[in-house]
Amino acid sequence: MAAPSVIDLDLQSVRQQFPSLSLTVDGSPVVYLDNPAGTQVPQRVIDRTAAYWRTMNANQGGAFETSERSDALVAAVRQAAATFLNAPSADEIVFGPNMTTLTFAVSRAIGRELRQGDEILVTRLEHDANVSPWLALQERGAILRFVDIRVPACTLDMSDFERQLSRRTRLVAVTHASNAVGTIPDLLAISRAAHAVGAWLWVDAVHYSPHGPLDVRAIDCDFLVCSSYKFYGPHQGMLYGRRELLERLRPYKVRPATDEGPSRWETGTQNHECLAGLLGAFEYLAELGGSDRVVRSALVAALNRMSAHERALAARLIEGLEQLPGVQIYGITDRDQLERRAPTVSITWPPHRPESLARWLGKHQVFATHGDHYATELMARLGLADKGGTLRIGAAHYNTASEVDLVLELLAGYRPD
């Protein structure tokens, strides 16, 4: 197999920045292809986190040096996050523990405005963190409708979406990229259709965030959520919301908390050390894009370079998997359509259980995940809910062609325990 085409990405330099990539177990180097469940972090993230504890570990609002440093850091991270998402204002960025917690918090506030019979559209592609918060609103009389998919490519059935969308639809919740099968829906088409009937658009960008530039203005979404542990940062969530909606909706919060700006949504003391690490992740991406400052052009350049490399790895992986008799690949496999998917490949290989395949790879220090990947509706739709789900292999920009080849070699030599 020919080496993949890597565009403007110095892999040796990239890999040197990730300490965990040098890990060995029983004398063998570790191969991280469990990236859809969380990426590794560069040294810059580690250094930023440690520096916070050493030099500014204090709560907010204090009239002393370490608190003022901490407040300045949070403001800098908020601005960097706005740049990362291309948000109009840093005041439209809300931080929280993770995407799931943020979604539940805002969905409860949205629920205060719903009336009996209002409808919410979600898709069969979703991680359950973009389903259960909306299911919970059935308690307030909301009706949840699911948009179907086409299998085995697992693309969104836009005809079904158009049939189900109506003037009763108050919100459309959709993934930017499926965490289980990689599908990237046409968000701009969905946004236009949703807004045409007066509905809000909620985008789960957790899985897409390491694989391409995020742009809330281009998508024209009303809300977007992601978590930085998927794009080389710490376990930290963030949310973009249109200013008028963040100001209009009423959050559940303690009485002394401010009612101004994004802080009204940030219940309790934030995880300042993780926010410091998040700034380190943005700085890493900016540097990869050729800048010593977190500027939009550098972030876009970095993510485009990363995406080109990852698509080449995904093509190599898919081509190799297609040579293994009996392997079923879920998601887009057409080489001319790989820009419509993330480099996350889910497979089944009857009669082998996905867990057995994952254990075989893990035994050889190649890490990949198995199960339903919290994509509950998708696994049910594919008939895999009671069959162990899928084996999921997900590349990141620090992975190499030789690592992909090793996976294929190990699967070809699979021997059940």
Protein backbone atom coordinates (compact mmCIF):
# COMPACT_ATOMS: atom_id res chain seq x y z
CA MET A 1 0.00 0.00 0.00
CA ALA A 2 1.41 3.41 -0.92
CA ALA A 3 2.05 5.92 1.85
CA PRO A 4 -0.78 8.39 2.32
CA SER A 5 -0.46 11.89 0.96
CA VAL A 6 0.33 14.19 3.88
CA ILE A 7 -0.13 17.87 3.17
CA ASP A 8 2.15 20.29 5.00
CA LEU A 9 2.30 18.39 8.28
CA ASP A 10 5.61 17.56 9.95
CA LEU A 11 4.66 14.34 11.73
CA GLN A 12 7.99 13.93 13.49
CA SER A 13 7.72 17.39 15.01
CA VAL A 14 4.06 16.83 15.90
CA ARG A 15 4.69 13.55 17.68
CA GLN A 16 7.58 14.95 19.68
CA GLN A 17 5.16 17.37 21.34
CA PHE A 18 3.01 14.58 22.81
CA PRO A 19 4.78 12.87 25.74
CA SER A 20 2.30 9.99 25.88
CA LEU A 21 3.20 8.89 22.35
CA SER A 22 6.52 7.61 23.71
CA LEU A 23 4.77 5.26 26.14
CA THR A 24 5.69 1.58 25.91
CA VAL A 25 3.98 -1.42 27.50
CA ASP A 26 5.88 -4.68 27.83
CA GLY A 27 8.53 -3.21 25.55
CA SER A 28 6.11 -2.35 22.74
CA PRO A 29 5.17 1.18 21.69
CA VAL A 30 1.56 2.15 22.26
CA VAL A 31 -0.65 3.03 19.29
CA TYR A 32 -3.53 5.38 20.11
CA LEU A 33 -6.48 4.77 17.82
CA ASP A 34 -9.02 5.35 20.56
CA ASN A 35 -9.00 9.06 19.71
CA PRO A 36 -12.79 9.38 19.29
CA ALA A 37 -13.02 8.68 23.03
CA GLY A 38 -10.39 11.32 23.81
CA THR A 39 -7.13 12.51 22.29
CA GLN A 40 -3.70 12.75 23.86
CA VAL A 41 -2.39 16.14 24.98
CA PRO A 42 0.75 18.05 23.93
CA GLN A 43 3.34 19.28 26.41
CA ARG A 44 2.01 22.82 26.11
CA VAL A 45 -1.28 21.74 27.71
CA ILE A 46 0.54 20.02 30.56
CA ASP A 47 2.75 23.07 31.12
CA ARG A 48 -0.18 25.50 31.10
CA THR A 49 -2.08 23.40 33.63
CA ALA A 50 0.90 23.07 35.96
CA ALA A 51 1.70 26.78 35.65
CA TYR A 52 -1.80 27.65 36.78
CA TRP A 53 -1.36 25.69 40.00
CA ARG A 54 2.08 27.20 40.59
CA THR A 55 1.36 30.87 39.88
CA MET A 56 -2.36 31.74 39.99
CA ASN A 57 -4.33 29.13 41.91
CA ALA A 58 -7.14 31.25 43.35
CA ASN A 59 -10.88 31.76 43.13
CA GLN A 60 -12.35 34.54 41.06
CA GLY A 61 -12.99 38.13 42.04
CA GLY A 62 -10.35 38.53 44.72
CA ALA A 63 -8.55 41.84 45.33
CA PHE A 64 -5.12 40.22 45.27
CA GLU A 65 -2.52 39.15 42.73
CA THR A 66 -3.22 35.43 42.19
CA SER A 67 -6.97 35.98 41.85
CA GLU A 68 -6.43 38.79 39.37
CA ARG A 69 -4.09 36.55 37.36
CA SER A 70 -6.69 33.79 37.41
CA ASP A 71 -9.44 36.16 36.25
CA ALA A 72 -7.21 37.44 33.43
CA LEU A 73 -6.51 33.87 32.34
CA VAL A 74 -10.23 33.01 32.18
CA ALA A 75 -10.85 36.12 30.08
CA ALA A 76 -8.01 35.15 27.72
CA VAL A 77 -9.33 31.60 27.35
CA ARG A 78 -12.83 32.89 26.64
CA GLN A 79 -11.51 35.12 23.87
CA ALA A 80 -9.43 32.26 22.44
CA ALA A 81 -12.49 29.99 22.47
CA ALA A 82 -14.47 32.63 20.59
CA THR A 83 -11.68 32.75 18.00
CA PHE A 84 -11.66 28.95 17.76
CA LEU A 85 -15.41 28.88 17.08
CA ASN A 86 -15.46 32.12 15.06
CA ALA A 87 -18.04 33.47 17.47
CA PRO A 88 -18.93 37.16 17.16
CA SER A 89 -18.15 37.84 20.83
CA ALA A 90 -16.38 36.25 23.78
CA ASP A 91 -19.54 36.97 25.78
CA GLU A 92 -21.22 34.19 23.78
CA ILE A 93 -18.87 31.51 25.17
CA VAL A 94 -19.93 29.52 28.24
CA PHE A 95 -17.65 27.07 30.05
CA GLY A 96 -18.74 23.96 31.91
CA PRO A 97 -17.54 20.49 32.95
CA ASN A 98 -18.37 18.86 29.62
CA MET A 99 -20.75 18.96 26.68
CA THR A 100 -23.29 16.69 28.39
CA THR A 101 -23.62 18.87 31.49
CA LEU A 102 -23.88 22.05 29.43
CA THR A 103 -26.56 20.53 27.20
CA PHE A 104 -28.66 19.42 30.16
CA ALA A 105 -28.30 22.87 31.75
CA VAL A 106 -29.44 24.79 28.69
CA SER A 107 -32.11 22.25 27.71
CA ARG A 108 -33.75 22.76 31.11
CA ALA A 109 -33.83 26.49 30.50
CA ILE A 110 -35.25 25.96 27.01
CA GLY A 111 -37.88 23.71 28.58
CA ARG A 112 -39.20 26.68 30.52
CA GLU A 113 -40.30 28.21 27.22
CA LEU A 114 -41.90 25.14 25.65
CA ARG A 115 -45.62 24.61 25.31
CA GLN A 116 -47.60 21.40 25.08
CA GLY A 117 -47.11 19.88 21.63
CA ASP A 118 -43.92 21.76 20.72
CA GLU A 119 -41.59 19.50 18.76
CA ILE A 120 -37.88 18.81 18.87
CA LEU A 121 -36.07 17.04 16.03
CA VAL A 122 -33.00 14.91 16.69
CA THR A 123 -31.29 12.38 14.43
CA ARG A 124 -30.43 8.71 14.65
CA LEU A 125 -26.74 9.66 14.33
CA GLU A 126 -26.48 11.30 17.73
CA HIS A 127 -24.40 10.59 20.80
CA ASP A 128 -26.94 10.18 23.58
CA ALA A 129 -25.73 13.43 25.16
CA ASN A 130 -27.58 15.11 22.30
CA VAL A 131 -30.70 12.98 22.80
CA SER A 132 -31.42 12.42 26.49
CA PRO A 133 -31.47 16.14 27.43
CA TRP A 134 -34.21 16.62 24.83
CA LEU A 135 -36.02 13.42 25.78
CA ALA A 136 -36.26 14.83 29.30
CA LEU A 137 -38.35 17.71 27.95
CA GLN A 138 -41.15 15.29 27.20
CA GLU A 139 -42.03 15.88 30.85
CA ARG A 140 -43.02 19.40 29.78
CA GLY A 141 -45.19 18.17 26.93
CA ALA A 142 -42.60 18.37 24.16
CA ILE A 143 -42.72 15.81 21.35
CA LEU A 144 -39.41 14.31 20.23
CA ARG A 145 -39.05 13.18 16.62
CA PHE A 146 -36.13 11.24 15.14
CA VAL A 147 -34.74 11.86 11.66
CA ASP A 148 -33.77 8.59 10.01
CA ILE A 149 -30.53 7.60 8.25
CA ARG A 150 -29.57 5.63 5.16
CA VAL A 151 -27.52 2.49 5.79
CA PRO A 152 -24.81 1.26 5.60
CA ALA A 153 -23.35 4.67 4.65
CA CYS A 154 -25.12 6.12 7.72
CA THR A 155 -25.91 9.40 6.02
CA LEU A 156 -28.79 11.56 7.16
CA ASP A 157 -32.05 11.05 5.28
CA MET A 158 -32.72 14.64 4.30
CA SER A 159 -36.08 13.74 2.77
CA ASP A 160 -37.18 12.40 6.14
CA PHE A 161 -35.84 15.55 7.82
CA GLU A 162 -37.87 17.76 5.50
CA ARG A 163 -41.01 15.67 6.07
CA GLN A 164 -40.76 15.93 9.84
CA LEU A 165 -39.78 19.60 10.07
CA SER A 166 -42.79 21.85 10.64
CA ARG A 167 -43.98 25.09 12.22
CA ARG A 168 -44.35 23.10 15.45
CA THR A 169 -40.59 22.42 15.51
CA ARG A 170 -38.92 24.56 18.15
CA LEU A 171 -35.42 23.08 18.04
CA VAL A 172 -33.32 20.84 15.78
CA ALA A 173 -30.45 19.00 17.52
CA VAL A 174 -27.84 17.50 15.21
CA THR A 175 -24.26 16.30 15.34
CA HIS A 176 -21.50 18.02 13.39
CA ALA A 177 -19.95 14.57 12.94
CA SER A 178 -21.10 11.20 14.24
CA ASN A 179 -18.84 9.94 17.02
CA ALA A 180 -19.61 6.36 16.00
CA VAL A 181 -19.45 6.33 12.19
CA GLY A 182 -17.95 9.71 11.29
CA THR A 183 -20.80 11.08 9.13
CA ILE A 184 -20.74 14.87 8.66
CA PRO A 185 -24.27 16.12 7.89
CA ASP A 186 -24.97 19.15 5.70
CA LEU A 187 -25.36 21.59 8.57
CA LEU A 188 -25.91 24.66 6.43
CA ALA A 189 -28.89 23.04 4.68
CA ILE A 190 -30.25 21.93 8.04
CA SER A 191 -29.74 25.41 9.50
CA ARG A 192 -31.56 27.13 6.66
CA ALA A 193 -34.49 24.73 6.86
CA ALA A 194 -34.73 24.97 10.66
CA HIS A 195 -34.65 28.76 10.68
CA ALA A 196 -37.22 28.90 7.89
CA VAL A 197 -39.79 27.41 10.28
CA GLY A 198 -38.59 29.47 13.25
CA ALA A 199 -36.68 26.65 14.99
CA TRP A 200 -33.35 26.95 16.81
CA LEU A 201 -30.37 24.85 15.74
CA TRP A 202 -28.32 23.03 18.40
CA VAL A 203 -25.06 21.51 17.13
CA ASP A 204 -23.02 18.86 18.94
CA ALA A 205 -19.50 19.48 17.64
CA VAL A 206 -17.65 17.26 20.11
CA HIS A 207 -16.53 14.72 17.57
CA TYR A 208 -15.92 17.11 14.69
CA SER A 209 -13.78 19.57 16.66
CA PRO A 210 -10.36 17.89 16.13
CA HIS A 211 -11.03 17.19 12.45
CA GLY A 212 -11.83 20.55 10.88
CA PRO A 213 -12.37 24.25 11.58
CA LEU A 214 -15.49 25.12 13.56
CA ASP A 215 -17.40 28.20 12.41
CA VAL A 216 -20.64 29.10 14.14
CA ARG A 217 -21.21 31.99 11.75
CA ALA A 218 -20.83 29.88 8.63
CA ILE A 219 -23.14 27.20 10.05
CA ASP A 220 -25.50 29.91 11.32
CA CYS A 221 -26.32 27.84 14.38
CA ASP A 222 -27.95 29.12 17.55
CA PHE A 223 -25.97 26.91 19.92
CA LEU A 224 -22.86 24.75 19.54
CA VAL A 225 -21.20 22.58 22.16
CA CYS A 226 -17.87 20.78 22.29
CA SER A 227 -15.32 19.39 24.77
CA SER A 228 -11.59 20.03 24.54
CA TYR A 229 -10.47 16.54 25.53
CA LYS A 230 -11.40 15.61 21.96
CA PHE A 231 -9.09 18.25 20.46
CA TYR A 232 -5.89 17.75 22.46
CA GLY A 233 -6.96 19.58 25.61
CA PRO A 234 -8.20 18.73 29.12
CA HIS A 235 -11.64 17.53 30.19
CA GLN A 236 -13.37 20.87 29.73
CA GLY A 237 -16.63 21.71 27.98
CA MET A 238 -17.64 24.90 26.20
CA LEU A 239 -20.77 26.23 24.60
CA TYR A 240 -21.49 28.94 22.07
CA GLY A 241 -24.92 30.55 22.25
CA ARG A 242 -26.31 33.53 20.40
CA ARG A 243 -26.12 36.51 22.71
CA GLU A 244 -29.85 37.24 22.54
CA LEU A 245 -30.69 33.66 23.46
CA LEU A 246 -28.20 33.46 26.33
CA GLU A 247 -29.73 36.67 27.66
CA ARG A 248 -33.34 35.61 27.03
CA LEU A 249 -33.30 32.13 28.53
CA ARG A 250 -33.34 31.80 32.32
CA PRO A 251 -30.68 29.48 33.75
CA TYR A 252 -30.98 27.55 36.98
CA LYS A 253 -28.38 29.10 39.30
CA VAL A 254 -27.63 30.15 42.86
CA ARG A 255 -29.01 33.54 43.95
CA PRO A 256 -25.70 35.37 44.52
CA ALA A 257 -24.45 34.47 41.02
CA THR A 258 -24.36 37.31 38.53
CA ASP A 259 -27.11 37.65 35.97
CA GLU A 260 -24.77 39.31 33.48
CA GLY A 261 -22.92 37.73 30.58
CA PRO A 262 -21.92 34.09 30.21
CA SER A 263 -21.20 33.79 33.94
CA ARG A 264 -24.93 33.48 34.59
CA TRP A 265 -24.70 30.02 33.00
CA GLU A 266 -21.50 28.94 34.75
CA THR A 267 -22.79 27.41 37.96
CA GLY A 268 -20.27 27.20 40.78
CA THR A 269 -16.53 27.72 40.61
CA GLN A 270 -15.11 26.82 37.22
CA ASN A 271 -12.23 24.41 36.70
CA HIS A 272 -9.58 27.08 36.25
CA GLU A 273 -6.68 24.67 35.82
CA CYS A 274 -8.51 22.95 32.96
CA LEU A 275 -9.25 26.33 31.42
CA ALA A 276 -5.52 27.00 31.53
CA GLY A 277 -4.94 23.70 29.76
CA LEU A 278 -7.59 24.66 27.20
CA LEU A 279 -5.61 27.79 26.39
CA GLY A 280 -2.60 25.53 25.89
CA ALA A 281 -4.58 23.46 23.36
CA PHE A 282 -5.52 26.58 21.41
CA GLU A 283 -1.87 27.72 21.48
CA TYR A 284 -0.72 24.32 20.22
CA LEU A 285 -3.11 24.49 17.27
CA ALA A 286 -2.15 28.08 16.49
CA GLU A 287 1.54 27.18 16.50
CA LEU A 288 0.86 24.25 14.18
CA GLY A 289 -0.84 26.79 11.92
CA GLY A 290 2.21 29.03 11.92
CA SER A 291 1.44 31.66 14.55
CA ASP A 292 2.69 32.46 18.03
CA ARG A 293 -0.74 33.94 18.85
CA VAL A 294 -4.19 32.37 18.87
CA VAL A 295 -5.56 33.89 15.69
CA ARG A 296 -8.31 32.53 13.48
CA SER A 297 -6.20 32.11 10.35
CA ALA A 298 -3.66 29.94 12.17
CA LEU A 299 -6.31 27.73 13.77
CA VAL A 300 -7.99 27.18 10.40
CA ALA A 301 -4.67 26.43 8.70
CA ALA A 302 -3.74 23.88 11.37
CA LEU A 303 -7.06 22.07 11.29
CA ASN A 304 -7.07 21.94 7.49
CA ARG A 305 -3.58 20.40 7.50
CA MET A 306 -4.62 17.91 10.13
CA SER A 307 -7.79 17.03 8.25
CA ALA A 308 -5.94 16.31 5.00
CA HIS A 309 -3.58 13.92 6.79
CA GLU A 310 -6.42 12.21 8.66
CA ARG A 311 -8.46 11.68 5.49
CA ALA A 312 -5.47 9.96 3.91
CA LEU A 313 -5.20 7.66 6.93
CA ALA A 314 -8.93 6.93 6.83
CA ALA A 315 -8.73 6.05 3.13
CA ARG A 316 -5.82 3.71 3.85
CA LEU A 317 -7.71 2.07 6.71
CA ILE A 318 -10.93 1.64 4.74
CA GLU A 319 -9.06 0.18 1.76
CA GLY A 320 -7.35 -2.35 4.00
CA LEU A 321 -10.52 -3.31 5.86
CA GLU A 322 -12.30 -3.95 2.57
CA GLN A 323 -9.74 -6.68 1.87
CA LEU A 324 -10.79 -8.63 4.98
CA PRO A 325 -13.61 -11.02 4.01
CA GLY A 326 -16.76 -10.54 6.07
CA VAL A 327 -15.91 -7.13 7.53
CA GLN A 328 -18.81 -4.67 7.46
CA ILE A 329 -17.82 -1.00 7.47
CA TYR A 330 -20.41 1.50 8.67
CA GLY A 331 -20.22 5.01 7.28
CA ILE A 332 -19.16 6.55 3.99
CA THR A 333 -16.52 4.49 2.14
CA ASP A 334 -16.51 6.21 -1.26
CA ARG A 335 -12.98 7.66 -1.64
CA ASP A 336 -14.40 10.72 -3.41
CA GLN A 337 -16.71 11.45 -0.47
CA LEU A 338 -14.33 11.20 2.48
CA GLU A 339 -14.63 14.93 3.17
CA ARG A 340 -18.17 14.09 4.30
CA ARG A 341 -16.91 11.97 7.17
CA ALA A 342 -14.49 12.17 10.08
CA PRO A 343 -11.59 9.65 10.14
CA THR A 344 -13.56 7.41 12.51
CA VAL A 345 -14.26 3.94 11.18
CA SER A 346 -16.70 1.51 12.82
CA ILE A 347 -16.83 -2.13 11.81
CA THR A 348 -18.38 -5.45 12.65
CA TRP A 349 -16.86 -8.79 11.69
CA PRO A 350 -19.24 -11.66 12.45
CA PRO A 351 -19.01 -13.98 14.21
CA HIS A 352 -16.34 -12.12 16.19
CA ARG A 353 -17.56 -9.82 18.95
CA PRO A 354 -16.30 -6.22 18.82
CA GLU A 355 -14.96 -6.55 22.36
CA SER A 356 -12.89 -9.60 21.37
CA LEU A 357 -11.40 -7.68 18.44
CA ALA A 358 -10.60 -4.72 20.70
CA ARG A 359 -8.97 -7.01 23.26
CA TRP A 360 -6.87 -8.64 20.53
CA LEU A 361 -5.63 -5.25 19.38
CA GLY A 362 -5.09 -4.12 22.98
CA LYS A 363 -3.05 -7.24 23.68
CA HIS A 364 -0.67 -5.93 21.02
CA GLN A 365 -0.71 -2.37 22.47
CA VAL A 366 -3.03 -0.99 19.79
CA PHE A 367 -5.86 0.87 21.48
CA ALA A 368 -9.32 1.01 19.89
CA THR A 369 -12.77 1.17 21.47
CA HIS A 370 -15.75 -1.13 21.24
CA GLY A 371 -19.43 -1.02 22.18
CA ASP A 372 -22.25 1.37 21.42
CA HIS A 373 -20.08 4.50 21.90
CA TYR A 374 -23.12 6.10 23.56
CA ALA A 375 -24.74 6.24 20.11
CA THR A 376 -27.80 4.43 21.45
CA GLU A 377 -30.25 5.27 18.67
CA LEU A 378 -27.75 4.56 15.92
CA MET A 379 -26.82 1.13 17.24
CA ALA A 380 -30.49 0.24 17.56
CA ARG A 381 -31.13 1.41 13.99
CA LEU A 382 -28.22 -0.73 12.72
CA GLY A 383 -29.45 -3.76 14.65
CA LEU A 384 -26.28 -3.87 16.75
CA ALA A 385 -27.61 -2.95 20.17
CA ASP A 386 -27.60 -6.54 21.40
CA LYS A 387 -24.57 -7.62 19.36
CA GLY A 388 -21.86 -5.69 21.14
CA GLY A 389 -21.99 -2.59 18.94
CA THR A 390 -18.94 -1.98 16.78
CA LEU A 391 -15.17 -1.88 16.87
CA ARG A 392 -14.26 1.79 16.41
CA ILE A 393 -10.87 2.84 15.03
CA GLY A 394 -10.27 6.58 14.99
CA ALA A 395 -7.23 8.41 13.64
CA ALA A 396 -5.86 11.74 14.85
CA HIS A 397 -3.28 13.97 13.20
CA TYR A 398 -0.42 12.40 15.19
CA ASN A 399 -1.13 8.90 13.87
CA THR A 400 1.00 7.41 11.10
CA ALA A 401 0.53 5.21 8.06
CA SER A 402 2.58 2.47 9.73
CA GLU A 403 0.17 2.47 12.69
CA VAL A 404 -2.77 1.98 10.33
CA ASP A 405 -0.90 -0.84 8.62
CA LEU A 406 -0.25 -2.47 11.99
CA VAL A 407 -3.97 -2.48 12.78
CA LEU A 408 -4.73 -4.13 9.47
CA GLU A 409 -1.97 -6.68 9.98
CA LEU A 410 -3.23 -7.55 13.46
CA LEU A 411 -6.84 -7.90 12.32
CA ALA A 412 -5.78 -10.09 9.41
CA GLY A 413 -4.00 -12.32 11.93
CA TYR A 414 -6.79 -12.30 14.51
CA ARG A 415 -7.00 -15.44 16.57
CA PRO A 416 -9.92 -15.79 19.03
CA ASP A 417 -8.94 -16.52 22.63
